[in-house]
Amino acid sequence: MSRKKRHWLWNILIVLTLIACVFAFILHYKNWHKVEEGRLKILSGIYYQNIPLTEMDSIQWVDKIPELERSNGFSWMEKEKGVFKDSLTQTKVYVFVDDLRQQKIRLVHNDSLKMFINFKDSLQTQSLFNFIDAGLQEKLEKIK
């Protein structure tokens, strides 16, 4: 029995596909965030938010995310990421949740846009909450 040799192009295509899958997994594995120049930047795979700290209206802790319809994104085990639609108000909700079992930050900006975020590490989530909350308190004191 003679075996037919596979064309080299198929081998390269298989390797490139595997590399792309690993790269996509690494990008979606966790939420990447940074605060610079007065803006909160959050990246998780193809989902990205760039929010000026001055446009944040409220921040609070929530245990559960309300009932949402997925526009695009994914839910897998304890992770949930993407753009969802609030089933009551029909508004966009951005979700960057690494662990559904932990508390999440509910952030409202531009008067009505909501975002839920947490990290695998609860201390990192707490640190982000404290930073944003301090900024909002400072903003309120300037208004008074």
Foldseek 3Di string as FASTA:
>chain_A
DDDDDDDVVVVVVVVVVVVVVVVQCVQQLWWDWDADPQWIWIGRRPDIDTGRLVQWDDKDKDLADPDWAAPDWDDDDQFTFDWTADPPPRDIEGERENGSRDIWMWIDGPNHYIYTHDTPDNVVRVVVRVVSVVSVVVVVVVVD
